Amino acid sequence: MATTTVRLDPDEEHTLDELAEIHGGRSNALRVGLRLLAAETQRRAALADLLTEWEYEAGPVDEDAVAAMSNRYSLDS
């Protein structure tokens, strides 16, 4: 198993310590975070592919409609 050095500022170290209590240690907390980040990256890539295909089939995205939906559902852009 590989060892990696991570430099943290005091706030990040405090957060890691809090997460370590929940996840059974610092290494486990970092592994969980890494898996979550990888999953989020995969979801974003899949969404980008979906939107590209959708736009190809349905035409360009209507930015005004997107803004209206974002406002309606309180979504951050």
N, C-alpha and C. Protein backbone atom coordinates (compact mmCIF):
# COMPACT_ATOMS: atom_id res chain seq x y z
N MET A 1 0.85 -1.17 0.00
CA MET A 1 0.00 0.00 0.00
C MET A 1 0.90 1.24 0.00
N ALA A 2 0.54 2.22 -0.80
CA ALA A 2 1.33 3.44 -0.94
C ALA A 2 1.09 4.39 0.24
N THR A 3 2.09 5.21 0.48
CA THR A 3 1.99 6.26 1.49
C THR A 3 2.12 7.59 0.77
N THR A 4 1.24 8.53 1.12
CA THR A 4 1.23 9.86 0.52
C THR A 4 1.25 10.89 1.62
N THR A 5 2.05 11.92 1.44
CA THR A 5 2.10 13.02 2.40
C THR A 5 1.14 14.11 1.95
N VAL A 6 0.34 14.60 2.88
CA VAL A 6 -0.61 15.67 2.59
C VAL A 6 -0.37 16.80 3.58
N ARG A 7 -0.18 17.99 3.08
CA ARG A 7 0.01 19.15 3.96
C ARG A 7 -1.34 19.83 4.15
N LEU A 8 -1.71 20.03 5.39
CA LEU A 8 -3.01 20.62 5.72
C LEU A 8 -2.80 21.89 6.53
N ASP A 9 -3.68 22.86 6.29
CA ASP A 9 -3.66 24.03 7.16
C ASP A 9 -4.40 23.65 8.45
N PRO A 10 -4.33 24.48 9.48
CA PRO A 10 -4.95 24.12 10.76
C PRO A 10 -6.45 23.82 10.67
N ASP A 11 -7.18 24.57 9.85
CA ASP A 11 -8.62 24.30 9.71
C ASP A 11 -8.87 22.94 9.06
N GLU A 12 -8.09 22.62 8.03
CA GLU A 12 -8.25 21.33 7.37
C GLU A 12 -7.88 20.19 8.31
N GLU A 13 -6.85 20.39 9.10
CA GLU A 13 -6.45 19.36 10.07
C GLU A 13 -7.55 19.15 11.11
N HIS A 14 -8.16 20.21 11.56
CA HIS A 14 -9.27 20.10 12.51
C HIS A 14 -10.43 19.33 11.88
N THR A 15 -10.76 19.66 10.64
CA THR A 15 -11.83 18.95 9.93
C THR A 15 -11.49 17.48 9.79
N LEU A 16 -10.25 17.18 9.43
CA LEU A 16 -9.83 15.79 9.29
C LEU A 16 -9.95 15.05 10.62
N ASP A 17 -9.57 15.69 11.69
CA ASP A 17 -9.70 15.05 13.01
C ASP A 17 -11.16 14.74 13.34
N GLU A 18 -12.05 15.66 13.01
CA GLU A 18 -13.48 15.41 13.25
C GLU A 18 -13.98 14.25 12.41
N LEU A 19 -13.59 14.23 11.14
CA LEU A 19 -14.01 13.14 10.24
C LEU A 19 -13.38 11.82 10.65
N ALA A 20 -12.15 11.86 11.17
CA ALA A 20 -11.47 10.65 11.60
C ALA A 20 -12.25 9.94 12.71
N GLU A 21 -12.86 10.70 13.59
CA GLU A 21 -13.68 10.10 14.66
C GLU A 21 -14.87 9.35 14.08
N ILE A 22 -15.44 9.87 13.03
CA ILE A 22 -16.62 9.26 12.41
C ILE A 22 -16.22 8.05 11.57
N HIS A 23 -15.09 8.13 10.88
CA HIS A 23 -14.72 7.13 9.87
C HIS A 23 -13.63 6.17 10.33
N GLY A 24 -13.29 6.19 11.61
CA GLY A 24 -12.34 5.21 12.11
C GLY A 24 -10.89 5.51 11.82
N GLY A 25 -10.53 6.76 11.81
CA GLY A 25 -9.14 7.14 11.63
C GLY A 25 -8.94 8.10 10.46
N ARG A 26 -7.80 8.75 10.49
CA ARG A 26 -7.49 9.74 9.47
C ARG A 26 -7.40 9.11 8.08
N SER A 27 -6.71 7.98 7.98
CA SER A 27 -6.55 7.34 6.68
C SER A 27 -7.90 6.94 6.10
N ASN A 28 -8.76 6.37 6.93
CA ASN A 28 -10.09 5.98 6.45
C ASN A 28 -10.89 7.19 6.02
N ALA A 29 -10.80 8.29 6.77
CA ALA A 29 -11.53 9.50 6.40
C ALA A 29 -11.04 10.02 5.04
N LEU A 30 -9.73 9.99 4.82
CA LEU A 30 -9.19 10.44 3.54
C LEU A 30 -9.59 9.50 2.40
N ARG A 31 -9.63 8.20 2.67
CA ARG A 31 -10.07 7.26 1.65
C ARG A 31 -11.53 7.51 1.27
N VAL A 32 -12.38 7.73 2.27
CA VAL A 32 -13.79 8.03 2.00
C VAL A 32 -13.90 9.28 1.15
N GLY A 33 -13.16 10.32 1.52
CA GLY A 33 -13.19 11.57 0.75
C GLY A 33 -12.72 11.38 -0.67
N LEU A 34 -11.69 10.58 -0.86
CA LEU A 34 -11.17 10.30 -2.20
C LEU A 34 -12.21 9.56 -3.04
N ARG A 35 -12.88 8.56 -2.44
CA ARG A 35 -13.92 7.83 -3.17
C ARG A 35 -15.08 8.75 -3.53
N LEU A 36 -15.48 9.62 -2.61
CA LEU A 36 -16.58 10.55 -2.90
C LEU A 36 -16.20 11.52 -4.01
N LEU A 37 -14.98 12.02 -4.00
CA LEU A 37 -14.52 12.93 -5.04
C LEU A 37 -14.47 12.23 -6.39
N ALA A 38 -13.99 10.98 -6.40
CA ALA A 38 -13.94 10.22 -7.66
C ALA A 38 -15.35 9.98 -8.19
N ALA A 39 -16.29 9.64 -7.32
CA ALA A 39 -17.67 9.40 -7.74
C ALA A 39 -18.30 10.68 -8.28
N GLU A 40 -18.04 11.80 -7.62
CA GLU A 40 -18.57 13.09 -8.09
C GLU A 40 -18.00 13.44 -9.46
N THR A 41 -16.72 13.19 -9.66
CA THR A 41 -16.08 13.46 -10.95
C THR A 41 -16.71 12.60 -12.04
N GLN A 42 -16.98 11.34 -11.75
CA GLN A 42 -17.61 10.44 -12.72
C GLN A 42 -19.04 10.90 -13.03
N ARG A 43 -19.78 11.32 -11.99
CA ARG A 43 -21.15 11.82 -12.22
C ARG A 43 -21.15 13.06 -13.10
N ARG A 44 -20.21 13.97 -12.85
CA ARG A 44 -20.14 15.19 -13.66
C ARG A 44 -19.79 14.87 -15.12
N ALA A 45 -18.87 13.93 -15.32
CA ALA A 45 -18.51 13.54 -16.68
C ALA A 45 -19.70 12.89 -17.38
N ALA A 46 -20.43 12.04 -16.68
CA ALA A 46 -21.61 11.40 -17.27
C ALA A 46 -22.68 12.44 -17.61
N LEU A 47 -22.86 13.41 -16.73
CA LEU A 47 -23.83 14.48 -17.00
C LEU A 47 -23.41 15.31 -18.20
N ALA A 48 -22.13 15.63 -18.30
CA ALA A 48 -21.64 16.39 -19.45
C ALA A 48 -21.88 15.62 -20.74
N ASP A 49 -21.63 14.30 -20.72
CA ASP A 49 -21.89 13.47 -21.91
C ASP A 49 -23.38 13.48 -22.26
N LEU A 50 -24.23 13.34 -21.25
CA LEU A 50 -25.67 13.34 -21.46
C LEU A 50 -26.13 14.66 -22.07
N LEU A 51 -25.63 15.76 -21.52
CA LEU A 51 -26.04 17.07 -22.02
C LEU A 51 -25.55 17.31 -23.44
N THR A 52 -24.35 16.83 -23.75
CA THR A 52 -23.83 16.96 -25.12
C THR A 52 -24.70 16.19 -26.10
N GLU A 53 -25.06 14.96 -25.72
CA GLU A 53 -25.92 14.14 -26.58
C GLU A 53 -27.31 14.77 -26.72
N TRP A 54 -27.83 15.27 -25.61
CA TRP A 54 -29.16 15.90 -25.63
C TRP A 54 -29.15 17.12 -26.55
N GLU A 55 -28.12 17.95 -26.40
CA GLU A 55 -28.03 19.15 -27.22
C GLU A 55 -27.88 18.78 -28.70
N TYR A 56 -27.16 17.73 -29.00
CA TYR A 56 -27.01 17.28 -30.38
C TYR A 56 -28.36 16.87 -30.96
N GLU A 57 -29.17 16.18 -30.14
CA GLU A 57 -30.46 15.69 -30.61
C GLU A 57 -31.55 16.76 -30.59
N ALA A 58 -31.54 17.65 -29.60
CA ALA A 58 -32.63 18.60 -29.41
C ALA A 58 -32.28 20.03 -29.77
N GLY A 59 -31.02 20.30 -30.07
CA GLY A 59 -30.61 21.66 -30.38
C GLY A 59 -29.98 22.33 -29.17
N PRO A 60 -29.51 23.55 -29.36
CA PRO A 60 -28.82 24.26 -28.28
C PRO A 60 -29.69 24.50 -27.06
N VAL A 61 -29.03 24.59 -25.93
CA VAL A 61 -29.72 24.85 -24.66
C VAL A 61 -30.19 26.30 -24.65
N ASP A 62 -31.41 26.51 -24.20
CA ASP A 62 -31.98 27.86 -24.06
C ASP A 62 -31.55 28.39 -22.69
N GLU A 63 -30.59 29.31 -22.69
CA GLU A 63 -30.03 29.82 -21.43
C GLU A 63 -31.09 30.49 -20.55
N ASP A 64 -32.06 31.15 -21.16
CA ASP A 64 -33.13 31.78 -20.37
C ASP A 64 -33.97 30.71 -19.65
N ALA A 65 -34.23 29.60 -20.32
CA ALA A 65 -34.99 28.51 -19.70
C ALA A 65 -34.20 27.90 -18.56
N VAL A 66 -32.90 27.74 -18.74
CA VAL A 66 -32.05 27.21 -17.67
C VAL A 66 -32.07 28.15 -16.46
N ALA A 67 -31.93 29.44 -16.71
CA ALA A 67 -31.95 30.42 -15.62
C ALA A 67 -33.29 30.40 -14.89
N ALA A 68 -34.37 30.29 -15.64
CA ALA A 68 -35.70 30.24 -15.02
C ALA A 68 -35.85 29.00 -14.15
N MET A 69 -35.38 27.86 -14.64
CA MET A 69 -35.46 26.63 -13.85
C MET A 69 -34.56 26.72 -12.61
N SER A 70 -33.39 27.30 -12.77
CA SER A 70 -32.49 27.45 -11.63
C SER A 70 -33.14 28.31 -10.55
N ASN A 71 -33.77 29.40 -10.96
CA ASN A 71 -34.47 30.26 -10.00
C ASN A 71 -35.65 29.53 -9.37
N ARG A 72 -36.42 28.83 -10.19
CA ARG A 72 -37.62 28.14 -9.70
C ARG A 72 -37.28 27.09 -8.65
N TYR A 73 -36.19 26.37 -8.87
CA TYR A 73 -35.82 25.27 -7.97
C TYR A 73 -34.67 25.63 -7.03
N SER A 74 -34.32 26.91 -6.94
CA SER A 74 -33.27 27.41 -6.06
C SER A 74 -31.96 26.67 -6.23
N LEU A 75 -31.54 26.53 -7.49
CA LEU A 75 -30.30 25.84 -7.81
C LEU A 75 -29.18 26.86 -8.00
N ASP A 76 -27.99 26.48 -7.56
CA ASP A 76 -26.81 27.33 -7.82
C ASP A 76 -26.29 27.02 -9.20
N SER A 77 -25.83 28.03 -9.89
CA SER A 77 -25.27 27.78 -11.23
C SER A 77 -23.82 27.48 -11.17
